Amino acid sequence: MGFSDDPYGLKSRRMILTKHHQKFKELQREGRWVEALRQFNITLNYAMESVNYSMQVLRKVRERMQGAAPKQKEGVERIAQEAIANAFYDYKLKK
């Protein structure tokens, strides 16, 4: 996992999760309950995958921060903030 790619990976995951969630809400509004239940399962599974990915990013950030010079820490902190925001966003969708 390259650090320069992580923010894009996190943002992509957030967009995909939002689409899954919107699809679930659409099916629910239409009263298509069996399909909505399937979509709900897909949405929750993807949310968990996104949270796990965010946690991996945070672990990598922590490892990098332990031995990084001050200038390097700035870029690593930005990635950490994005991972935390992504995990929080995923959590809010599940509620």
PDB file of N, CA and C in Angstrom:
ATOM      1  N   MET A   1       0.847  -1.171   0.000  1.00  0.00           N
ATOM      2  CA  MET A   1       0.000   0.000   0.000  1.00  0.00           C
ATOM      3  C   MET A   1       0.889   1.229   0.000  1.00  0.00           C
ATOM      4  N   GLY A   2       0.856   1.998  -1.063  1.00  0.00           N
ATOM      5  CA  GLY A   2       1.653   3.207  -1.140  1.00  0.00           C
ATOM      6  C   GLY A   2       0.913   4.363  -0.503  1.00  0.00           C
ATOM      7  N   PHE A   3       1.616   5.116   0.317  1.00  0.00           N
ATOM      8  CA  PHE A   3       0.962   6.207   1.028  1.00  0.00           C
ATOM      9  C   PHE A   3       0.385   7.251   0.095  1.00  0.00           C
ATOM     10  N   SER A   4       1.025   7.493  -1.025  1.00  0.00           N
ATOM     11  CA  SER A   4       0.510   8.522  -1.926  1.00  0.00           C
ATOM     12  C   SER A   4      -0.832   8.116  -2.531  1.00  0.00           C
ATOM     13  N   ASP A   5      -1.124   6.821  -2.587  1.00  0.00           N
ATOM     14  CA  ASP A   5      -2.381   6.352  -3.169  1.00  0.00           C
ATOM     15  C   ASP A   5      -3.508   6.263  -2.148  1.00  0.00           C
ATOM     16  N   ASP A   6      -3.186   6.231  -0.879  1.00  0.00           N
ATOM     17  CA  ASP A   6      -4.196   5.999   0.140  1.00  0.00           C
ATOM     18  C   ASP A   6      -5.333   7.011   0.158  1.00  0.00           C
ATOM     19  N   PRO A   7      -5.084   8.312   0.080  1.00  0.00           N
ATOM     20  CA  PRO A   7      -6.214   9.234   0.103  1.00  0.00           C
ATOM     21  C   PRO A   7      -7.197   8.965  -1.029  1.00  0.00           C
ATOM     22  N   TYR A   8      -6.684   8.601  -2.188  1.00  0.00           N
ATOM     23  CA  TYR A   8      -7.578   8.311  -3.307  1.00  0.00           C
ATOM     24  C   TYR A   8      -8.336   7.018  -3.062  1.00  0.00           C
ATOM     25  N   GLY A   9      -7.677   6.040  -2.475  1.00  0.00           N
ATOM     26  CA  GLY A   9      -8.356   4.791  -2.155  1.00  0.00           C
ATOM     27  C   GLY A   9      -9.459   5.005  -1.139  1.00  0.00           C
ATOM     28  N   LEU A  10      -9.187   5.835  -0.144  1.00  0.00           N
ATOM     29  CA  LEU A  10     -10.190   6.122   0.876  1.00  0.00           C
ATOM     30  C   LEU A  10     -11.362   6.894   0.286  1.00  0.00           C
ATOM     31  N   LYS A  11     -11.070   7.871  -0.549  1.00  0.00           N
ATOM     32  CA  LYS A  11     -12.148   8.657  -1.167  1.00  0.00           C
ATOM     33  C   LYS A  11     -12.984   7.793  -2.108  1.00  0.00           C
ATOM     34  N   SER A  12     -12.327   6.925  -2.850  1.00  0.00           N
ATOM     35  CA  SER A  12     -13.058   6.031  -3.744  1.00  0.00           C
ATOM     36  C   SER A  12     -13.976   5.109  -2.959  1.00  0.00           C
ATOM     37  N   ARG A  13     -13.461   4.577  -1.877  1.00  0.00           N
ATOM     38  CA  ARG A  13     -14.279   3.702  -1.040  1.00  0.00           C
ATOM     39  C   ARG A  13     -15.480   4.450  -0.475  1.00  0.00           C
ATOM     40  N   ARG A  14     -15.266   5.702  -0.081  1.00  0.00           N
ATOM     41  CA  ARG A  14     -16.374   6.494   0.457  1.00  0.00           C
ATOM     42  C   ARG A  14     -17.443   6.706  -0.605  1.00  0.00           C
ATOM     43  N   MET A  15     -17.028   7.011  -1.838  1.00  0.00           N
ATOM     44  CA  MET A  15     -17.994   7.227  -2.917  1.00  0.00           C
ATOM     45  C   MET A  15     -18.768   5.952  -3.221  1.00  0.00           C
ATOM     46  N   ILE A  16     -18.073   4.821  -3.267  1.00  0.00           N
ATOM     47  CA  ILE A  16     -18.738   3.547  -3.548  1.00  0.00           C
ATOM     48  C   ILE A  16     -19.721   3.212  -2.430  1.00  0.00           C
ATOM     49  N   LEU A  17     -19.312   3.418  -1.192  1.00  0.00           N
ATOM     50  CA  LEU A  17     -20.193   3.142  -0.064  1.00  0.00           C
ATOM     51  C   LEU A  17     -21.435   4.027  -0.119  1.00  0.00           C
ATOM     52  N   THR A  18     -21.261   5.279  -0.469  1.00  0.00           N
ATOM     53  CA  THR A  18     -22.409   6.191  -0.586  1.00  0.00           C
ATOM     54  C   THR A  18     -23.383   5.692  -1.640  1.00  0.00           C
ATOM     55  N   LYS A  19     -22.854   5.204  -2.757  1.00  0.00           N
ATOM     56  CA  LYS A  19     -23.731   4.674  -3.815  1.00  0.00           C
ATOM     57  C   LYS A  19     -24.492   3.437  -3.338  1.00  0.00           C
ATOM     58  N   HIS A  20     -23.811   2.553  -2.615  1.00  0.00           N
ATOM     59  CA  HIS A  20     -24.486   1.373  -2.059  1.00  0.00           C
ATOM     60  C   HIS A  20     -25.604   1.794  -1.105  1.00  0.00           C
ATOM     61  N   HIS A  21     -25.314   2.770  -0.259  1.00  0.00           N
ATOM     62  CA  HIS A  21     -26.294   3.235   0.714  1.00  0.00           C
ATOM     63  C   HIS A  21     -27.489   3.896   0.021  1.00  0.00           C
ATOM     64  N   GLN A  22     -27.219   4.697  -1.004  1.00  0.00           N
ATOM     65  CA  GLN A  22     -28.300   5.335  -1.752  1.00  0.00           C
ATOM     66  C   GLN A  22     -29.186   4.303  -2.432  1.00  0.00           C
ATOM     67  N   LYS A  23     -28.568   3.263  -2.981  1.00  0.00           N
ATOM     68  CA  LYS A  23     -29.325   2.190  -3.630  1.00  0.00           C
ATOM     69  C   LYS A  23     -30.231   1.501  -2.619  1.00  0.00           C
ATOM     70  N   PHE A  24     -29.711   1.238  -1.417  1.00  0.00           N
ATOM     71  CA  PHE A  24     -30.525   0.629  -0.369  1.00  0.00           C
ATOM     72  C   PHE A  24     -31.721   1.517  -0.034  1.00  0.00           C
ATOM     73  N   LYS A  25     -31.490   2.820   0.165  1.00  0.00           N
ATOM     74  CA  LYS A  25     -32.589   3.719   0.506  1.00  0.00           C
ATOM     75  C   LYS A  25     -33.626   3.799  -0.609  1.00  0.00           C
ATOM     76  N   GLU A  26     -33.160   3.769  -1.848  1.00  0.00           N
ATOM     77  CA  GLU A  26     -34.064   3.806  -2.998  1.00  0.00           C
ATOM     78  C   GLU A  26     -34.959   2.560  -3.022  1.00  0.00           C
ATOM     79  N   LEU A  27     -34.368   1.397  -2.841  1.00  0.00           N
ATOM     80  CA  LEU A  27     -35.145   0.160  -2.821  1.00  0.00           C
ATOM     81  C   LEU A  27     -36.130   0.153  -1.653  1.00  0.00           C
ATOM     82  N   GLN A  28     -35.702   0.666  -0.540  1.00  0.00           N
ATOM     83  CA  GLN A  28     -36.561   0.730   0.640  1.00  0.00           C
ATOM     84  C   GLN A  28     -37.759   1.650   0.370  1.00  0.00           C
ATOM     85  N   ARG A  29     -37.505   2.826  -0.214  1.00  0.00           N
ATOM     86  CA  ARG A  29     -38.598   3.766  -0.534  1.00  0.00           C
ATOM     87  C   ARG A  29     -39.604   3.150  -1.503  1.00  0.00           C
ATOM     88  N   GLU A  30     -39.086   2.345  -2.425  1.00  0.00           N
ATOM     89  CA  GLU A  30     -39.957   1.722  -3.431  1.00  0.00           C
ATOM     90  C   GLU A  30     -40.708   0.515  -2.876  1.00  0.00           C
ATOM     91  N   GLY A  31     -40.390   0.122  -1.660  1.00  0.00           N
ATOM     92  CA  GLY A  31     -41.058  -1.026  -1.050  1.00  0.00           C
ATOM     93  C   GLY A  31     -40.573  -2.367  -1.587  1.00  0.00           C
ATOM     94  N   ARG A  32     -39.416  -2.385  -2.189  1.00  0.00           N
ATOM     95  CA  ARG A  32     -38.833  -3.624  -2.730  1.00  0.00           C
ATOM     96  C   ARG A  32     -37.981  -4.248  -1.620  1.00  0.00           C
ATOM     97  N   TRP A  33     -38.666  -4.851  -0.658  1.00  0.00           N
ATOM     98  CA  TRP A  33     -38.052  -5.261   0.600  1.00  0.00           C
ATOM     99  C   TRP A  33     -37.012  -6.368   0.465  1.00  0.00           C
ATOM    100  N   VAL A  34     -37.258  -7.337  -0.371  1.00  0.00           N
ATOM    101  CA  VAL A  34     -36.288  -8.432  -0.531  1.00  0.00           C
ATOM    102  C   VAL A  34     -34.992  -7.885  -1.149  1.00  0.00           C
ATOM    103  N   GLU A  35     -35.130  -7.086  -2.182  1.00  0.00           N
ATOM    104  CA  GLU A  35     -33.952  -6.481  -2.804  1.00  0.00           C
ATOM    105  C   GLU A  35     -33.267  -5.503  -1.854  1.00  0.00           C
ATOM    106  N   ALA A  36     -34.064  -4.760  -1.085  1.00  0.00           N
ATOM    107  CA  ALA A  36     -33.499  -3.811  -0.117  1.00  0.00           C
ATOM    108  C   ALA A  36     -32.689  -4.550   0.942  1.00  0.00           C
ATOM    109  N   LEU A  37     -33.184  -5.681   1.391  1.00  0.00           N
ATOM    110  CA  LEU A  37     -32.462  -6.467   2.392  1.00  0.00           C
ATOM    111  C   LEU A  37     -31.136  -6.971   1.828  1.00  0.00           C
ATOM    112  N   ARG A  38     -31.156  -7.424   0.591  1.00  0.00           N
ATOM    113  CA  ARG A  38     -29.899  -7.853  -0.052  1.00  0.00           C
ATOM    114  C   ARG A  38     -28.923  -6.679  -0.155  1.00  0.00           C
ATOM    115  N   GLN A  39     -29.437  -5.524  -0.568  1.00  0.00           N
ATOM    116  CA  GLN A  39     -28.589  -4.346  -0.706  1.00  0.00           C
ATOM    117  C   GLN A  39     -28.067  -3.885   0.653  1.00  0.00           C
ATOM    118  N   PHE A  40     -28.883  -4.006   1.684  1.00  0.00           N
ATOM    119  CA  PHE A  40     -28.452  -3.646   3.036  1.00  0.00           C
ATOM    120  C   PHE A  40     -27.257  -4.500   3.444  1.00  0.00           C
ATOM    121  N   ASN A  41     -27.334  -5.792   3.150  1.00  0.00           N
ATOM    122  CA  ASN A  41     -26.231  -6.702   3.463  1.00  0.00           C
ATOM    123  C   ASN A  41     -24.963  -6.298   2.698  1.00  0.00           C
ATOM    124  N   ILE A  42     -25.115  -5.980   1.430  1.00  0.00           N
ATOM    125  CA  ILE A  42     -23.981  -5.543   0.613  1.00  0.00           C
ATOM    126  C   ILE A  42     -23.384  -4.262   1.185  1.00  0.00           C
ATOM    127  N   THR A  43     -24.256  -3.323   1.548  1.00  0.00           N
ATOM    128  CA  THR A  43     -23.805  -2.032   2.080  1.00  0.00           C
ATOM    129  C   THR A  43     -23.033  -2.216   3.380  1.00  0.00           C
ATOM    130  N   LEU A  44     -23.561  -3.020   4.295  1.00  0.00           N
ATOM    131  CA  LEU A  44     -22.873  -3.243   5.567  1.00  0.00           C
ATOM    132  C   LEU A  44     -21.543  -3.958   5.373  1.00  0.00           C
ATOM    133  N   ASN A  45     -21.511  -4.940   4.505  1.00  0.00           N
ATOM    134  CA  ASN A  45     -20.248  -5.636   4.243  1.00  0.00           C
ATOM    135  C   ASN A  45     -19.208  -4.682   3.676  1.00  0.00           C
ATOM    136  N   TYR A  46     -19.620  -3.833   2.745  1.00  0.00           N
ATOM    137  CA  TYR A  46     -18.675  -2.889   2.162  1.00  0.00           C
ATOM    138  C   TYR A  46     -18.231  -1.864   3.201  1.00  0.00           C
ATOM    139  N   ALA A  47     -19.140  -1.451   4.065  1.00  0.00           N
ATOM    140  CA  ALA A  47     -18.776  -0.506   5.133  1.00  0.00           C
ATOM    141  C   ALA A  47     -17.722  -1.124   6.041  1.00  0.00           C
ATOM    142  N   MET A  48     -17.889  -2.386   6.395  1.00  0.00           N
ATOM    143  CA  MET A  48     -16.903  -3.047   7.248  1.00  0.00           C
ATOM    144  C   MET A  48     -15.555  -3.170   6.538  1.00  0.00           C
ATOM    145  N   GLU A  49     -15.575  -3.482   5.259  1.00  0.00           N
ATOM    146  CA  GLU A  49     -14.333  -3.540   4.498  1.00  0.00           C
ATOM    147  C   GLU A  49     -13.645  -2.171   4.485  1.00  0.00           C
ATOM    148  N   SER A  50     -14.431  -1.113   4.350  1.00  0.00           N
ATOM    149  CA  SER A  50     -13.872   0.240   4.331  1.00  0.00           C
ATOM    150  C   SER A  50     -13.273   0.607   5.679  1.00  0.00           C
ATOM    151  N   VAL A  51     -13.951   0.238   6.754  1.00  0.00           N
ATOM    152  CA  VAL A  51     -13.418   0.504   8.093  1.00  0.00           C
ATOM    153  C   VAL A  51     -12.122  -0.274   8.297  1.00  0.00           C
ATOM    154  N   ASN A  52     -12.105  -1.523   7.888  1.00  0.00           N
ATOM    155  CA  ASN A  52     -10.879  -2.325   8.017  1.00  0.00           C
ATOM    156  C   ASN A  52      -9.739  -1.722   7.201  1.00  0.00           C
ATOM    157  N   TYR A  53     -10.038  -1.253   6.004  1.00  0.00           N
ATOM    158  CA  TYR A  53      -9.020  -0.611   5.168  1.00  0.00           C
ATOM    159  C   TYR A  53      -8.498   0.648   5.855  1.00  0.00           C
ATOM    160  N   SER A  54      -9.408   1.439   6.411  1.00  0.00           N
ATOM    161  CA  SER A  54      -8.998   2.655   7.124  1.00  0.00           C
ATOM    162  C   SER A  54      -8.098   2.310   8.304  1.00  0.00           C
ATOM    163  N   MET A  55      -8.419   1.238   8.995  1.00  0.00           N
ATOM    164  CA  MET A  55      -7.591   0.822  10.130  1.00  0.00           C
ATOM    165  C   MET A  55      -6.204   0.392   9.658  1.00  0.00           C
ATOM    166  N   GLN A  56      -6.130  -0.273   8.519  1.00  0.00           N
ATOM    167  CA  GLN A  56      -4.825  -0.649   7.968  1.00  0.00           C
ATOM    168  C   GLN A  56      -4.003   0.606   7.659  1.00  0.00           C
ATOM    169  N   VAL A  57      -4.663   1.589   7.074  1.00  0.00           N
ATOM    170  CA  VAL A  57      -3.965   2.840   6.764  1.00  0.00           C
ATOM    171  C   VAL A  57      -3.454   3.469   8.051  1.00  0.00           C
ATOM    172  N   LEU A  58      -4.294   3.492   9.083  1.00  0.00           N
ATOM    173  CA  LEU A  58      -3.872   4.087  10.350  1.00  0.00           C
ATOM    174  C   LEU A  58      -2.700   3.334  10.965  1.00  0.00           C
ATOM    175  N   ARG A  59      -2.708   2.008  10.872  1.00  0.00           N
ATOM    176  CA  ARG A  59      -1.573   1.231  11.392  1.00  0.00           C
ATOM    177  C   ARG A  59      -0.286   1.595  10.649  1.00  0.00           C
ATOM    178  N   LYS A  60      -0.385   1.701   9.327  1.00  0.00           N
ATOM    179  CA  LYS A  60       0.783   2.074   8.527  1.00  0.00           C
ATOM    180  C   LYS A  60       1.253   3.482   8.892  1.00  0.00           C
ATOM    181  N   VAL A  61       0.306   4.377   9.103  1.00  0.00           N
ATOM    182  CA  VAL A  61       0.657   5.742   9.483  1.00  0.00           C
ATOM    183  C   VAL A  61       1.388   5.733  10.820  1.00  0.00           C
ATOM    184  N   ARG A  62       0.873   4.981  11.781  1.00  0.00           N
ATOM    185  CA  ARG A  62       1.521   4.906  13.091  1.00  0.00           C
ATOM    186  C   ARG A  62       2.942   4.389  12.964  1.00  0.00           C
ATOM    187  N   GLU A  63       3.131   3.361  12.141  1.00  0.00           N
ATOM    188  CA  GLU A  63       4.476   2.814  11.931  1.00  0.00           C
ATOM    189  C   GLU A  63       5.398   3.863  11.321  1.00  0.00           C
ATOM    190  N   ARG A  64       4.882   4.603  10.349  1.00  0.00           N
ATOM    191  CA  ARG A  64       5.681   5.641   9.696  1.00  0.00           C
ATOM    192  C   ARG A  64       6.016   6.780  10.651  1.00  0.00           C
ATOM    193  N   MET A  65       5.045   7.145  11.488  1.00  0.00           N
ATOM    194  CA  MET A  65       5.228   8.281  12.398  1.00  0.00           C
ATOM    195  C   MET A  65       6.304   8.004  13.441  1.00  0.00           C
ATOM    196  N   GLN A  66       6.464   6.772  13.817  1.00  0.00           N
ATOM    197  CA  GLN A  66       7.412   6.440  14.873  1.00  0.00           C
ATOM    198  C   GLN A  66       8.846   6.793  14.495  1.00  0.00           C
ATOM    199  N   GLY A  67       9.197   6.693  13.222  1.00  0.00           N
ATOM    200  CA  GLY A  67      10.575   6.982  12.835  1.00  0.00           C
ATOM    201  C   GLY A  67      10.720   8.115  11.845  1.00  0.00           C
ATOM    202  N   ALA A  68       9.670   8.909  11.669  1.00  0.00           N
ATOM    203  CA  ALA A  68       9.687   9.938  10.624  1.00  0.00           C
ATOM    204  C   ALA A  68      10.296  11.254  11.108  1.00  0.00           C
ATOM    205  N   ALA A  69      10.911  11.942  10.175  1.00  0.00           N
ATOM    206  CA  ALA A  69      11.407  13.299  10.416  1.00  0.00           C
ATOM    207  C   ALA A  69      10.210  14.252  10.426  1.00  0.00           C
ATOM    208  N   PRO A  70      10.344  15.433  11.020  1.00  0.00           N
ATOM    209  CA  PRO A  70       9.208  16.366  11.114  1.00  0.00           C
ATOM    210  C   PRO A  70       8.533  16.672   9.775  1.00  0.00           C
ATOM    211  N   LYS A  71       9.310  16.873   8.715  1.00  0.00           N
ATOM    212  CA  LYS A  71       8.716  17.192   7.415  1.00  0.00           C
ATOM    213  C   LYS A  71       7.899  16.012   6.875  1.00  0.00           C
ATOM    214  N   GLN A  72       8.390  14.793   7.080  1.00  0.00           N
ATOM    215  CA  GLN A  72       7.664  13.599   6.631  1.00  0.00           C
ATOM    216  C   GLN A  72       6.371  13.427   7.407  1.00  0.00           C
ATOM    217  N   LYS A  73       6.383  13.808   8.662  1.00  0.00           N
ATOM    218  CA  LYS A  73       5.201  13.624   9.507  1.00  0.00           C
ATOM    219  C   LYS A  73       3.997  14.399   8.986  1.00  0.00           C
ATOM    220  N   GLU A  74       4.213  15.542   8.337  1.00  0.00           N
ATOM    221  CA  GLU A  74       3.097  16.341   7.818  1.00  0.00           C
ATOM    222  C   GLU A  74       2.276  15.556   6.800  1.00  0.00           C
ATOM    223  N   GLY A  75       2.938  14.924   5.849  1.00  0.00           N
ATOM    224  CA  GLY A  75       2.223  14.134   4.844  1.00  0.00           C
ATOM    225  C   GLY A  75       1.545  12.928   5.442  1.00  0.00           C
ATOM    226  N   VAL A  76       2.198  12.297   6.385  1.00  0.00           N
ATOM    227  CA  VAL A  76       1.635  11.120   7.038  1.00  0.00           C
ATOM    228  C   VAL A  76       0.418  11.521   7.873  1.00  0.00           C
ATOM    229  N   GLU A  77       0.473  12.672   8.526  1.00  0.00           N
ATOM    230  CA  GLU A  77      -0.668  13.145   9.316  1.00  0.00           C
ATOM    231  C   GLU A  77      -1.877  13.417   8.426  1.00  0.00           C
ATOM    232  N   ARG A  78      -1.645  13.937   7.236  1.00  0.00           N
ATOM    233  CA  ARG A  78      -2.751  14.191   6.303  1.00  0.00           C
ATOM    234  C   ARG A  78      -3.453  12.882   5.936  1.00  0.00           C
ATOM    235  N   ILE A  79      -2.676  11.857   5.695  1.00  0.00           N
ATOM    236  CA  ILE A  79      -3.245  10.551   5.359  1.00  0.00           C
ATOM    237  C   ILE A  79      -4.026  10.000   6.553  1.00  0.00           C
ATOM    238  N   ALA A  80      -3.498  10.170   7.743  1.00  0.00           N
ATOM    239  CA  ALA A  80      -4.183   9.704   8.949  1.00  0.00           C
ATOM    240  C   ALA A  80      -5.518  10.416   9.119  1.00  0.00           C
ATOM    241  N   GLN A  81      -5.533  11.712   8.892  1.00  0.00           N
ATOM    242  CA  GLN A  81      -6.786  12.465   9.019  1.00  0.00           C
ATOM    243  C   GLN A  81      -7.830  11.966   8.024  1.00  0.00           C
ATOM    244  N   GLU A  82      -7.400  11.661   6.809  1.00  0.00           N
ATOM    245  CA  GLU A  82      -8.324  11.142   5.795  1.00  0.00           C
ATOM    246  C   GLU A  82      -8.857   9.771   6.206  1.00  0.00           C
ATOM    247  N   ALA A  83      -8.011   8.918   6.747  1.00  0.00           N
ATOM    248  CA  ALA A  83      -8.435   7.587   7.187  1.00  0.00           C
ATOM    249  C   ALA A  83      -9.438   7.687   8.328  1.00  0.00           C
ATOM    250  N   ILE A  84      -9.185   8.590   9.259  1.00  0.00           N
ATOM    251  CA  ILE A  84     -10.110   8.773  10.377  1.00  0.00           C
ATOM    252  C   ILE A  84     -11.448   9.312   9.871  1.00  0.00           C
ATOM    253  N   ALA A  85     -11.402  10.284   8.985  1.00  0.00           N
ATOM    254  CA  ALA A  85     -12.638  10.833   8.422  1.00  0.00           C
ATOM    255  C   ALA A  85     -13.419   9.757   7.686  1.00  0.00           C
ATOM    256  N   ASN A  86     -12.718   8.908   6.952  1.00  0.00           N
ATOM    257  CA  ASN A  86     -13.371   7.841   6.209  1.00  0.00           C
ATOM    258  C   ASN A  86     -14.027   6.846   7.160  1.00  0.00           C
ATOM    259  N   ALA A  87     -13.341   6.443   8.196  1.00  0.00           N
ATOM    260  CA  ALA A  87     -13.896   5.493   9.164  1.00  0.00           C
ATOM    261  C   ALA A  87     -15.113   6.092   9.851  1.00  0.00           C
ATOM    262  N   PHE A  88     -15.060   7.374  10.215  1.00  0.00           N
ATOM    263  CA  PHE A  88     -16.181   8.037  10.868  1.00  0.00           C
ATOM    264  C   PHE A  88     -17.366   8.120   9.918  1.00  0.00           C
ATOM    265  N   TYR A  89     -17.112   8.440   8.660  1.00  0.00           N
ATOM    266  CA  TYR A  89     -18.165   8.528   7.651  1.00  0.00           C
ATOM    267  C   TYR A  89     -18.848   7.172   7.489  1.00  0.00           C
ATOM    268  N   ASP A  90     -18.065   6.104   7.428  1.00  0.00           N
ATOM    269  CA  ASP A  90     -18.624   4.762   7.311  1.00  0.00           C
ATOM    270  C   ASP A  90     -19.499   4.430   8.506  1.00  0.00           C
ATOM    271  N   TYR A  91     -19.054   4.808   9.695  1.00  0.00           N
ATOM    272  CA  TYR A  91     -19.810   4.539  10.910  1.00  0.00           C
ATOM    273  C   TYR A  91     -21.150   5.274  10.887  1.00  0.00           C
ATOM    274  N   LYS A  92     -21.146   6.537  10.444  1.00  0.00           N
ATOM    275  CA  LYS A  92     -22.383   7.319  10.397  1.00  0.00           C
ATOM    276  C   LYS A  92     -23.382   6.692   9.425  1.00  0.00           C
ATOM    277  N   LEU A  93     -22.925   6.143   8.321  1.00  0.00           N
ATOM    278  CA  LEU A  93     -23.832   5.527   7.357  1.00  0.00           C
ATOM    279  C   LEU A  93     -24.530   4.308   7.938  1.00  0.00           C
ATOM    280  N   LYS A  94     -23.850   3.593   8.807  1.00  0.00           N
ATOM    281  CA  LYS A  94     -24.433   2.374   9.357  1.00  0.00           C
ATOM    282  C   LYS A  94     -25.545   2.659  10.354  1.00  0.00           C
ATOM    283  N   LYS A  95     -25.595   3.848  10.907  1.00  0.00           N
ATOM    284  CA  LYS A  95     -26.627   4.173  11.919  1.00  0.00           C
ATOM    285  C   LYS A  95     -27.938   4.486  11.268  1.00  0.00           C
TER     286      LYS A  95
END
